[in-house]
Amino acid sequence: MKFSQCISFYLTLLVSFISSVTCLKFEIEAKEEGYKNTCIRDFVTEGQMVVVNINSSGSVGDGQTLNFFIVDSLGNQYKDKKDFAGKTRVAFTAHSSAAFDVCFNNVVGHHGPDNLFREIELDIESGSAARDWNAIQAAEKLKPVELELMRIEQLTNEITSELKYLQKREERMRDTNESTNERVQNFSTMVIVALVGLGAWNVYYLRNYFRSKHIL
């Protein structure tokens, strides 16, 4: 094996290991409207590209109405599709660093048989894994090693961005902890002052009381 081929092999292995890809296969039973959605959650950073591939069994009009929507924890909705079957591909760019949910619900028809369900294959790719590298290689006429280096560069940039985001979160949490600690200290000082004042008032009151009764 040539040196360039070795580099290409190990770079491909590294990118395949680190890239963010989520593949799931599950079943959704058809039920009446109003039941809880089935949701799959993932996390992306701001500006990151996400590709969601969905493959459903069955067909439209088989007594089931399969719906899905994609929404993040901040309320941004990226897709909402009703009554679908087969393959569906959704690509979007995250508006902010947040968790997002791919939610499904399967509604049974009024005259449909019981025990209906749909099989779902869900593939979520984000970041460098979501890009069409074959198209990039063909458009820019890159060698395999050059392509892998480009993938590694983008992956490194994504990791750096995530580390910066985590650093900001840590700083924000530290500021929150320091603020909470300062408030607790101030509250403790107020409690001590109140207790000392109450104790002094009790001593003063009891001394006057005993004097008025000629006990002291």
Protein backbone atom coordinates (compact mmCIF):
# COMPACT_ATOMS: atom_id res chain seq x y z
CA MET A 1 0.00 0.00 0.00
CA LYS A 2 1.36 3.44 -0.98
CA PHE A 3 1.94 6.18 1.58
CA SER A 4 -0.83 8.39 0.16
CA GLN A 5 -3.24 5.44 0.26
CA CYS A 6 -2.33 4.80 3.90
CA ILE A 7 -3.01 8.43 4.78
CA SER A 8 -6.32 8.32 2.94
CA PHE A 9 -7.32 5.11 4.74
CA TYR A 10 -6.52 6.42 8.23
CA LEU A 11 -8.10 9.81 7.60
CA THR A 12 -11.27 8.12 6.37
CA LEU A 13 -11.29 5.91 9.46
CA LEU A 14 -10.84 8.91 11.76
CA VAL A 15 -13.61 10.94 10.11
CA SER A 16 -15.95 7.97 10.13
CA PHE A 17 -15.31 7.48 13.84
CA ILE A 18 -15.77 11.11 14.88
CA SER A 19 -18.52 12.34 12.50
CA SER A 20 -21.96 12.75 14.00
CA VAL A 21 -24.37 10.20 12.52
CA THR A 22 -27.44 8.73 14.17
CA CYS A 23 -29.19 5.73 12.57
CA LEU A 24 -32.29 4.18 14.12
CA LYS A 25 -34.99 1.72 13.13
CA PHE A 26 -38.24 1.42 15.06
CA GLU A 27 -41.98 0.86 14.77
CA ILE A 28 -44.83 3.30 15.42
CA GLU A 29 -48.22 1.82 16.18
CA ALA A 30 -51.25 3.55 14.66
CA LYS A 31 -53.46 5.06 17.37
CA GLU A 32 -56.22 7.59 17.67
CA GLU A 33 -55.42 11.30 17.68
CA GLY A 34 -54.26 12.90 20.91
CA TYR A 35 -51.65 10.40 22.07
CA LYS A 36 -48.06 11.32 22.83
CA ASN A 37 -45.62 11.80 19.94
CA THR A 38 -42.59 9.59 19.45
CA CYS A 39 -39.54 11.87 19.35
CA ILE A 40 -35.85 11.35 18.67
CA ARG A 41 -33.55 14.06 20.09
CA ASP A 42 -30.17 15.22 18.88
CA PHE A 43 -28.00 18.29 19.49
CA VAL A 44 -26.44 20.71 17.01
CA THR A 45 -24.49 23.95 17.23
CA GLU A 46 -25.46 27.21 15.57
CA GLY A 47 -24.89 27.26 11.81
CA GLN A 48 -24.36 23.51 11.60
CA MET A 49 -25.90 21.70 8.65
CA VAL A 50 -28.26 18.79 9.40
CA VAL A 51 -29.67 16.20 7.02
CA VAL A 52 -32.52 13.96 8.18
CA ASN A 53 -33.35 10.91 6.04
CA ILE A 54 -36.61 9.09 6.81
CA ASN A 55 -37.79 5.87 5.19
CA SER A 56 -41.24 4.61 6.12
CA SER A 57 -42.95 1.35 5.27
CA GLY A 58 -46.53 1.24 3.99
CA SER A 59 -48.21 3.66 1.61
CA VAL A 60 -50.54 6.62 1.69
CA GLY A 61 -54.14 5.47 2.04
CA ASP A 62 -53.42 2.21 3.88
CA GLY A 63 -55.56 3.21 6.87
CA GLN A 64 -52.75 5.08 8.64
CA THR A 65 -51.73 8.73 8.59
CA LEU A 66 -48.06 9.11 9.46
CA ASN A 67 -46.92 12.64 10.27
CA PHE A 68 -43.64 14.12 11.42
CA PHE A 69 -42.20 17.48 12.38
CA ILE A 70 -38.77 18.80 13.35
CA VAL A 71 -38.49 21.46 16.05
CA ASP A 72 -35.72 22.58 18.38
CA SER A 73 -35.89 23.30 22.11
CA LEU A 74 -36.14 27.06 21.41
CA GLY A 75 -39.30 26.67 19.34
CA ASN A 76 -37.78 26.94 15.85
CA GLN A 77 -39.65 24.60 13.49
CA TYR A 78 -37.73 23.29 10.49
CA LYS A 79 -40.22 20.89 8.89
CA ASP A 80 -43.80 19.71 9.27
CA LYS A 81 -45.12 17.03 6.93
CA LYS A 82 -48.49 15.31 7.03
CA ASP A 83 -49.52 11.88 5.74
CA PHE A 84 -46.34 10.61 4.15
CA ALA A 85 -44.83 7.24 3.29
CA GLY A 86 -41.64 6.05 1.65
CA LYS A 87 -38.44 8.09 1.61
CA THR A 88 -38.19 11.69 2.72
CA ARG A 89 -35.10 13.89 3.01
CA VAL A 90 -34.94 17.10 5.03
CA ALA A 91 -31.92 19.41 5.11
CA PHE A 92 -31.64 22.51 7.26
CA THR A 93 -29.14 24.76 9.00
CA ALA A 94 -29.48 25.13 12.76
CA HIS A 95 -30.53 28.62 13.84
CA SER A 96 -28.91 28.25 17.25
CA SER A 97 -27.02 25.84 19.46
CA ALA A 98 -29.79 23.70 20.90
CA ALA A 99 -31.33 20.25 21.01
CA PHE A 100 -33.80 19.41 18.28
CA ASP A 101 -36.48 16.71 18.06
CA VAL A 102 -37.68 14.66 15.13
CA CYS A 103 -41.21 13.70 16.21
CA PHE A 104 -43.62 11.20 14.66
CA ASN A 105 -47.26 10.33 15.20
CA ASN A 106 -49.28 7.67 13.42
CA VAL A 107 -53.04 8.14 13.38
CA VAL A 108 -55.36 5.23 12.57
CA GLY A 109 -58.26 5.80 10.16
CA HIS A 110 -61.88 5.68 11.32
CA HIS A 111 -62.50 2.39 9.53
CA GLY A 112 -59.01 0.96 9.60
CA PRO A 113 -58.16 -2.44 11.10
CA ASP A 114 -56.50 -2.85 14.48
CA ASN A 115 -52.79 -3.43 15.16
CA LEU A 116 -51.56 -1.26 12.31
CA PHE A 117 -48.02 0.11 12.47
CA ARG A 118 -45.32 1.68 10.33
CA GLU A 119 -41.63 0.80 10.34
CA ILE A 120 -39.38 3.85 10.39
CA GLU A 121 -35.72 4.07 9.41
CA LEU A 122 -34.26 7.35 10.64
CA ASP A 123 -30.81 8.60 9.68
CA ILE A 124 -29.59 11.93 11.12
CA GLU A 125 -26.35 13.41 9.83
CA SER A 126 -24.89 16.67 11.05
CA GLY A 127 -21.84 18.74 10.38
CA SER A 128 -19.25 17.32 8.00
CA ALA A 129 -21.16 14.03 7.75
CA ALA A 130 -24.12 15.88 6.20
CA ARG A 131 -22.19 17.26 3.22
CA ASP A 132 -22.08 15.55 -0.16
CA TRP A 133 -18.36 14.99 -0.38
CA ASN A 134 -18.54 13.08 -3.65
CA ALA A 135 -20.11 16.10 -5.32
CA ILE A 136 -17.47 18.37 -3.80
CA GLN A 137 -14.69 16.09 -5.01
CA ALA A 138 -16.12 16.03 -8.53
CA ALA A 139 -16.71 19.80 -8.64
CA GLU A 140 -13.28 20.79 -7.33
CA LYS A 141 -11.41 17.84 -8.88
CA LEU A 142 -9.77 16.87 -5.62
CA LYS A 143 -7.54 13.90 -4.98
CA PRO A 144 -8.69 11.43 -2.27
CA VAL A 145 -6.07 12.71 0.18
CA GLU A 146 -7.05 16.34 -0.49
CA LEU A 147 -10.69 15.49 0.05
CA GLU A 148 -9.98 13.76 3.35
CA LEU A 149 -7.85 16.69 4.49
CA MET A 150 -10.74 19.03 3.70
CA ARG A 151 -13.10 16.82 5.70
CA ILE A 152 -10.65 16.76 8.60
CA GLU A 153 -10.33 20.56 8.44
CA GLN A 154 -14.08 21.06 8.59
CA LEU A 155 -14.41 18.50 11.38
CA THR A 156 -11.66 20.25 13.33
CA ASN A 157 -13.44 23.58 12.91
CA GLU A 158 -16.67 22.01 14.18
CA ILE A 159 -14.90 20.55 17.22
CA THR A 160 -13.31 23.95 17.92
CA SER A 161 -16.72 25.64 17.68
CA GLU A 162 -18.25 23.10 20.04
CA LEU A 163 -15.40 23.57 22.53
CA LYS A 164 -15.90 27.35 22.41
CA TYR A 165 -19.63 26.85 22.98
CA LEU A 166 -18.93 24.58 25.94
CA GLN A 167 -16.47 27.15 27.29
CA LYS A 168 -19.14 29.87 27.08
CA ARG A 169 -21.63 27.61 28.84
CA GLU A 170 -19.07 26.88 31.57
CA GLU A 171 -18.42 30.61 32.00
CA ARG A 172 -22.15 31.31 32.18
CA MET A 173 -22.65 28.55 34.73
CA ARG A 174 -19.68 29.80 36.75
CA ASP A 175 -21.13 33.32 36.76
CA THR A 176 -24.48 31.89 37.87
CA ASN A 177 -22.81 29.92 40.65
CA GLU A 178 -20.86 32.95 41.85
CA SER A 179 -24.00 35.09 41.80
CA THR A 180 -25.93 32.43 43.71
CA ASN A 181 -23.09 32.05 46.22
CA GLU A 182 -23.03 35.84 46.76
CA ARG A 183 -26.79 35.90 47.33
CA VAL A 184 -26.54 33.01 49.80
CA GLN A 185 -23.78 34.83 51.69
CA ASN A 186 -25.84 38.03 51.83
CA PHE A 187 -28.87 36.09 53.00
CA SER A 188 -26.80 34.33 55.68
CA THR A 189 -25.44 37.68 56.87
CA MET A 190 -28.98 39.08 57.05
CA VAL A 191 -30.13 36.02 59.06
CA ILE A 192 -27.21 36.36 61.50
CA VAL A 193 -27.87 40.09 61.97
CA ALA A 194 -31.59 39.40 62.49
CA LEU A 195 -30.85 36.68 65.06
CA VAL A 196 -28.37 38.86 66.94
CA GLY A 197 -30.86 41.73 66.95
CA LEU A 198 -33.66 39.45 68.13
CA GLY A 199 -31.45 38.05 70.89
CA ALA A 200 -30.46 41.55 72.04
CA TRP A 201 -34.10 42.62 72.07
CA ASN A 202 -35.06 39.52 74.11
CA VAL A 203 -32.33 40.29 76.66
CA TYR A 204 -33.45 43.92 76.92
CA TYR A 205 -37.12 42.93 77.25
CA LEU A 206 -36.48 40.26 79.88
CA ARG A 207 -34.24 42.59 81.92
CA ASN A 208 -36.92 45.29 81.96
CA TYR A 209 -39.58 42.70 82.79
CA PHE A 210 -37.64 41.30 85.73
CA ARG A 211 -36.89 44.80 86.98
CA SER A 212 -40.56 45.76 86.82
CA LYS A 213 -41.36 42.67 88.94
CA HIS A 214 -38.54 43.60 91.33
CA ILE A 215 -36.88 40.29 90.66
CA LEU A 216 -33.57 41.94 89.79
